Amino acid sequence: MNYEDCMKITINDSIADVLDRLPQLSAEDRWALLVEHLENVATEVDMDDVLMVPNFQKEQ
């Protein structure tokens, strides 16, 4: 799986989670959640803000 496929899966999963949460929120909170999530999805990722976790598995 390449980077593009991983990004698509991540975005689709996060949108599904947001949509599942909407019925539990008030109208104002729904609006705030949607705007914040859309901003996160639509904004280009600054790689300086991304945390990378190394693979600690021992190579054999």
PDB file of N, CA and C in Angstrom:
ATOM      1  N   MET A   1       0.849  -1.166   0.000  1.00  0.00           N
ATOM      2  CA  MET A   1       0.000   0.000   0.000  1.00  0.00           C
ATOM      3  C   MET A   1       0.899   1.235   0.000  1.00  0.00           C
ATOM      4  N   ASN A   2       0.596   2.172  -0.861  1.00  0.00           N
ATOM      5  CA  ASN A   2       1.425   3.369  -0.958  1.00  0.00           C
ATOM      6  C   ASN A   2       0.866   4.503  -0.089  1.00  0.00           C
ATOM      7  N   TYR A   3       1.572   5.618  -0.082  1.00  0.00           N
ATOM      8  CA  TYR A   3       1.217   6.773   0.753  1.00  0.00           C
ATOM      9  C   TYR A   3      -0.168   7.307   0.417  1.00  0.00           C
ATOM     10  N   GLU A   4      -0.471   7.399  -0.882  1.00  0.00           N
ATOM     11  CA  GLU A   4      -1.776   7.935  -1.313  1.00  0.00           C
ATOM     12  C   GLU A   4      -2.916   7.063  -0.792  1.00  0.00           C
ATOM     13  N   ASP A   5      -2.756   5.744  -0.893  1.00  0.00           N
ATOM     14  CA  ASP A   5      -3.803   4.837  -0.412  1.00  0.00           C
ATOM     15  C   ASP A   5      -3.981   4.968   1.094  1.00  0.00           C
ATOM     16  N   CYS A   6      -2.882   5.084   1.826  1.00  0.00           N
ATOM     17  CA  CYS A   6      -2.952   5.259   3.285  1.00  0.00           C
ATOM     18  C   CYS A   6      -3.671   6.551   3.644  1.00  0.00           C
ATOM     19  N   MET A   7      -3.377   7.620   2.917  1.00  0.00           N
ATOM     20  CA  MET A   7      -4.032   8.905   3.187  1.00  0.00           C
ATOM     21  C   MET A   7      -5.535   8.821   2.910  1.00  0.00           C
ATOM     22  N   LYS A   8      -5.923   8.177   1.821  1.00  0.00           N
ATOM     23  CA  LYS A   8      -7.344   8.041   1.489  1.00  0.00           C
ATOM     24  C   LYS A   8      -8.076   7.255   2.571  1.00  0.00           C
ATOM     25  N   ILE A   9      -7.487   6.167   3.014  1.00  0.00           N
ATOM     26  CA  ILE A   9      -8.111   5.347   4.059  1.00  0.00           C
ATOM     27  C   ILE A   9      -8.236   6.142   5.349  1.00  0.00           C
ATOM     28  N   THR A  10      -7.198   6.870   5.718  1.00  0.00           N
ATOM     29  CA  THR A  10      -7.207   7.668   6.945  1.00  0.00           C
ATOM     30  C   THR A  10      -8.281   8.751   6.889  1.00  0.00           C
ATOM     31  N   ILE A  11      -8.370   9.451   5.765  1.00  0.00           N
ATOM     32  CA  ILE A  11      -9.369  10.514   5.610  1.00  0.00           C
ATOM     33  C   ILE A  11     -10.778   9.930   5.644  1.00  0.00           C
ATOM     34  N   ASN A  12     -11.003   8.835   4.932  1.00  0.00           N
ATOM     35  CA  ASN A  12     -12.333   8.221   4.916  1.00  0.00           C
ATOM     36  C   ASN A  12     -12.736   7.738   6.303  1.00  0.00           C
ATOM     37  N   ASP A  13     -11.819   7.128   7.035  1.00  0.00           N
ATOM     38  CA  ASP A  13     -12.126   6.658   8.385  1.00  0.00           C
ATOM     39  C   ASP A  13     -12.427   7.820   9.331  1.00  0.00           C
ATOM     40  N   SER A  14     -11.657   8.890   9.210  1.00  0.00           N
ATOM     41  CA  SER A  14     -11.875  10.030  10.104  1.00  0.00           C
ATOM     42  C   SER A  14     -13.205  10.714   9.798  1.00  0.00           C
ATOM     43  N   ILE A  15     -13.580  10.795   8.528  1.00  0.00           N
ATOM     44  CA  ILE A  15     -14.871  11.388   8.164  1.00  0.00           C
ATOM     45  C   ILE A  15     -16.016  10.516   8.678  1.00  0.00           C
ATOM     46  N   ALA A  16     -15.879   9.202   8.565  1.00  0.00           N
ATOM     47  CA  ALA A  16     -16.913   8.297   9.075  1.00  0.00           C
ATOM     48  C   ALA A  16     -17.077   8.478  10.587  1.00  0.00           C
ATOM     49  N   ASP A  17     -15.961   8.634  11.305  1.00  0.00           N
ATOM     50  CA  ASP A  17     -16.040   8.854  12.754  1.00  0.00           C
ATOM     51  C   ASP A  17     -16.745  10.166  13.084  1.00  0.00           C
ATOM     52  N   VAL A  18     -16.446  11.212  12.328  1.00  0.00           N
ATOM     53  CA  VAL A  18     -17.095  12.512  12.557  1.00  0.00           C
ATOM     54  C   VAL A  18     -18.593  12.407  12.288  1.00  0.00           C
ATOM     55  N   LEU A  19     -18.970  11.762  11.198  1.00  0.00           N
ATOM     56  CA  LEU A  19     -20.389  11.633  10.862  1.00  0.00           C
ATOM     57  C   LEU A  19     -21.139  10.796  11.898  1.00  0.00           C
ATOM     58  N   ASP A  20     -20.482   9.793  12.457  1.00  0.00           N
ATOM     59  CA  ASP A  20     -21.112   8.987  13.514  1.00  0.00           C
ATOM     60  C   ASP A  20     -21.348   9.805  14.780  1.00  0.00           C
ATOM     61  N   ARG A  21     -20.512  10.774  15.007  1.00  0.00           N
ATOM     62  CA  ARG A  21     -20.589  11.581  16.237  1.00  0.00           C
ATOM     63  C   ARG A  21     -21.631  12.704  16.157  1.00  0.00           C
ATOM     64  N   LEU A  22     -21.972  13.144  14.962  1.00  0.00           N
ATOM     65  CA  LEU A  22     -22.842  14.306  14.778  1.00  0.00           C
ATOM     66  C   LEU A  22     -24.194  14.219  15.499  1.00  0.00           C
ATOM     67  N   PRO A  23     -24.896  13.089  15.481  1.00  0.00           N
ATOM     68  CA  PRO A  23     -26.209  13.052  16.155  1.00  0.00           C
ATOM     69  C   PRO A  23     -26.135  13.283  17.665  1.00  0.00           C
ATOM     70  N   GLN A  24     -24.978  13.115  18.252  1.00  0.00           N
ATOM     71  CA  GLN A  24     -24.827  13.267  19.698  1.00  0.00           C
ATOM     72  C   GLN A  24     -24.556  14.712  20.114  1.00  0.00           C
ATOM     73  N   LEU A  25     -24.361  15.595  19.149  1.00  0.00           N
ATOM     74  CA  LEU A  25     -23.943  16.974  19.441  1.00  0.00           C
ATOM     75  C   LEU A  25     -25.059  17.975  19.185  1.00  0.00           C
ATOM     76  N   SER A  26     -24.925  19.129  19.826  1.00  0.00           N
ATOM     77  CA  SER A  26     -25.852  20.231  19.559  1.00  0.00           C
ATOM     78  C   SER A  26     -25.516  20.847  18.197  1.00  0.00           C
ATOM     79  N   ALA A  27     -26.399  21.685  17.699  1.00  0.00           N
ATOM     80  CA  ALA A  27     -26.194  22.301  16.383  1.00  0.00           C
ATOM     81  C   ALA A  27     -24.893  23.096  16.332  1.00  0.00           C
ATOM     82  N   GLU A  28     -24.609  23.876  17.370  1.00  0.00           N
ATOM     83  CA  GLU A  28     -23.372  24.671  17.396  1.00  0.00           C
ATOM     84  C   GLU A  28     -22.137  23.776  17.410  1.00  0.00           C
ATOM     85  N   ASP A  29     -22.195  22.723  18.214  1.00  0.00           N
ATOM     86  CA  ASP A  29     -21.057  21.813  18.297  1.00  0.00           C
ATOM     87  C   ASP A  29     -20.858  21.043  16.996  1.00  0.00           C
ATOM     88  N   ARG A  30     -21.957  20.682  16.327  1.00  0.00           N
ATOM     89  CA  ARG A  30     -21.842  20.004  15.027  1.00  0.00           C
ATOM     90  C   ARG A  30     -21.130  20.912  14.035  1.00  0.00           C
ATOM     91  N   TRP A  31     -21.543  22.171  13.993  1.00  0.00           N
ATOM     92  CA  TRP A  31     -20.930  23.127  13.071  1.00  0.00           C
ATOM     93  C   TRP A  31     -19.431  23.276  13.371  1.00  0.00           C
ATOM     94  N   ALA A  32     -19.081  23.426  14.633  1.00  0.00           N
ATOM     95  CA  ALA A  32     -17.672  23.600  15.003  1.00  0.00           C
ATOM     96  C   ALA A  32     -16.848  22.363  14.637  1.00  0.00           C
ATOM     97  N   LEU A  33     -17.400  21.183  14.907  1.00  0.00           N
ATOM     98  CA  LEU A  33     -16.684  19.947  14.587  1.00  0.00           C
ATOM     99  C   LEU A  33     -16.470  19.799  13.088  1.00  0.00           C
ATOM    100  N   LEU A  34     -17.514  20.069  12.298  1.00  0.00           N
ATOM    101  CA  LEU A  34     -17.383  19.953  10.846  1.00  0.00           C
ATOM    102  C   LEU A  34     -16.381  20.948  10.274  1.00  0.00           C
ATOM    103  N   VAL A  35     -16.425  22.177  10.745  1.00  0.00           N
ATOM    104  CA  VAL A  35     -15.492  23.200  10.240  1.00  0.00           C
ATOM    105  C   VAL A  35     -14.055  22.833  10.612  1.00  0.00           C
ATOM    106  N   GLU A  36     -13.849  22.418  11.852  1.00  0.00           N
ATOM    107  CA  GLU A  36     -12.505  22.057  12.286  1.00  0.00           C
ATOM    108  C   GLU A  36     -11.984  20.845  11.509  1.00  0.00           C
ATOM    109  N   HIS A  37     -12.832  19.847  11.324  1.00  0.00           N
ATOM    110  CA  HIS A  37     -12.397  18.651  10.610  1.00  0.00           C
ATOM    111  C   HIS A  37     -12.115  18.965   9.137  1.00  0.00           C
ATOM    112  N   LEU A  38     -12.966  19.751   8.516  1.00  0.00           N
ATOM    113  CA  LEU A  38     -12.737  20.120   7.120  1.00  0.00           C
ATOM    114  C   LEU A  38     -11.433  20.899   6.971  1.00  0.00           C
ATOM    115  N   GLU A  39     -11.150  21.773   7.923  1.00  0.00           N
ATOM    116  CA  GLU A  39      -9.895  22.519   7.897  1.00  0.00           C
ATOM    117  C   GLU A  39      -8.701  21.566   7.977  1.00  0.00           C
ATOM    118  N   ASN A  40      -8.794  20.567   8.843  1.00  0.00           N
ATOM    119  CA  ASN A  40      -7.698  19.602   8.975  1.00  0.00           C
ATOM    120  C   ASN A  40      -7.510  18.774   7.709  1.00  0.00           C
ATOM    121  N   VAL A  41      -8.609  18.383   7.072  1.00  0.00           N
ATOM    122  CA  VAL A  41      -8.524  17.548   5.871  1.00  0.00           C
ATOM    123  C   VAL A  41      -8.053  18.361   4.672  1.00  0.00           C
ATOM    124  N   ALA A  42      -8.505  19.606   4.550  1.00  0.00           N
ATOM    125  CA  ALA A  42      -8.224  20.409   3.363  1.00  0.00           C
ATOM    126  C   ALA A  42      -6.879  21.132   3.401  1.00  0.00           C
ATOM    127  N   THR A  43      -6.287  21.260   4.583  1.00  0.00           N
ATOM    128  CA  THR A  43      -5.029  21.984   4.710  1.00  0.00           C
ATOM    129  C   THR A  43      -3.851  21.061   4.428  1.00  0.00           C
ATOM    130  N   GLU A  44      -2.885  21.575   3.705  1.00  0.00           N
ATOM    131  CA  GLU A  44      -1.694  20.783   3.403  1.00  0.00           C
ATOM    132  C   GLU A  44      -0.932  20.462   4.688  1.00  0.00           C
ATOM    133  N   VAL A  45      -0.410  19.263   4.765  1.00  0.00           N
ATOM    134  CA  VAL A  45       0.307  18.817   5.957  1.00  0.00           C
ATOM    135  C   VAL A  45       1.712  19.395   5.957  1.00  0.00           C
ATOM    136  N   ASP A  46       2.073  20.026   7.064  1.00  0.00           N
ATOM    137  CA  ASP A  46       3.431  20.527   7.241  1.00  0.00           C
ATOM    138  C   ASP A  46       4.249  19.395   7.865  1.00  0.00           C
ATOM    139  N   MET A  47       5.194  18.873   7.136  1.00  0.00           N
ATOM    140  CA  MET A  47       5.950  17.709   7.600  1.00  0.00           C
ATOM    141  C   MET A  47       6.737  17.991   8.880  1.00  0.00           C
ATOM    142  N   ASP A  48       6.960  19.249   9.217  1.00  0.00           N
ATOM    143  CA  ASP A  48       7.629  19.577  10.479  1.00  0.00           C
ATOM    144  C   ASP A  48       6.726  19.292  11.676  1.00  0.00           C
ATOM    145  N   ASP A  49       5.415  19.219  11.440  1.00  0.00           N
ATOM    146  CA  ASP A  49       4.454  18.957  12.513  1.00  0.00           C
ATOM    147  C   ASP A  49       4.105  17.477  12.657  1.00  0.00           C
ATOM    148  N   VAL A  50       4.636  16.642  11.765  1.00  0.00           N
ATOM    149  CA  VAL A  50       4.309  15.213  11.773  1.00  0.00           C
ATOM    150  C   VAL A  50       5.312  14.468  12.641  1.00  0.00           C
ATOM    151  N   LEU A  51       4.781  13.676  13.551  1.00  0.00           N
ATOM    152  CA  LEU A  51       5.645  12.860  14.400  1.00  0.00           C
ATOM    153  C   LEU A  51       5.887  11.522  13.720  1.00  0.00           C
ATOM    154  N   MET A  52       7.135  11.147  13.604  1.00  0.00           N
ATOM    155  CA  MET A  52       7.489   9.880  12.985  1.00  0.00           C
ATOM    156  C   MET A  52       7.928   8.912  14.072  1.00  0.00           C
ATOM    157  N   VAL A  53       7.416   7.697  14.009  1.00  0.00           N
ATOM    158  CA  VAL A  53       7.779   6.668  14.989  1.00  0.00           C
ATOM    159  C   VAL A  53       8.660   5.658  14.270  1.00  0.00           C
ATOM    160  N   PRO A  54       9.863   5.462  14.794  1.00  0.00           N
ATOM    161  CA  PRO A  54      10.757   4.492  14.157  1.00  0.00           C
ATOM    162  C   PRO A  54      10.276   3.056  14.388  1.00  0.00           C
ATOM    163  N   ASN A  55      10.694   2.187  13.506  1.00  0.00           N
ATOM    164  CA  ASN A  55      10.385   0.772  13.650  1.00  0.00           C
ATOM    165  C   ASN A  55      11.479   0.141  14.503  1.00  0.00           C
ATOM    166  N   PHE A  56      11.133  -0.343  15.694  1.00  0.00           N
ATOM    167  CA  PHE A  56      12.108  -0.877  16.619  1.00  0.00           C
ATOM    168  C   PHE A  56      12.318  -2.380  16.490  1.00  0.00           C
ATOM    169  N   GLN A  57      11.734  -2.987  15.464  1.00  0.00           N
ATOM    170  CA  GLN A  57      11.939  -4.402  15.278  1.00  0.00           C
ATOM    171  C   GLN A  57      13.389  -4.668  14.931  1.00  0.00           C
ATOM    172  N   LYS A  58      13.921  -5.736  15.498  1.00  0.00           N
ATOM    173  CA  LYS A  58      15.307  -6.092  15.206  1.00  0.00           C
ATOM    174  C   LYS A  58      15.360  -6.773  13.859  1.00  0.00           C
ATOM    175  N   GLU A  59      16.287  -6.341  13.038  1.00  0.00           N
ATOM    176  CA  GLU A  59      16.476  -6.968  11.738  1.00  0.00           C
ATOM    177  C   GLU A  59      17.291  -8.233  11.921  1.00  0.00           C
ATOM    178  N   GLN A  60      16.901  -9.249  11.190  1.00  0.00           N
ATOM    179  CA  GLN A  60      17.624 -10.521  11.318  1.00  0.00           C
ATOM    180  C   GLN A  60      18.368 -10.853  10.064  1.00  0.00           C
TER     181      GLN A  60
END
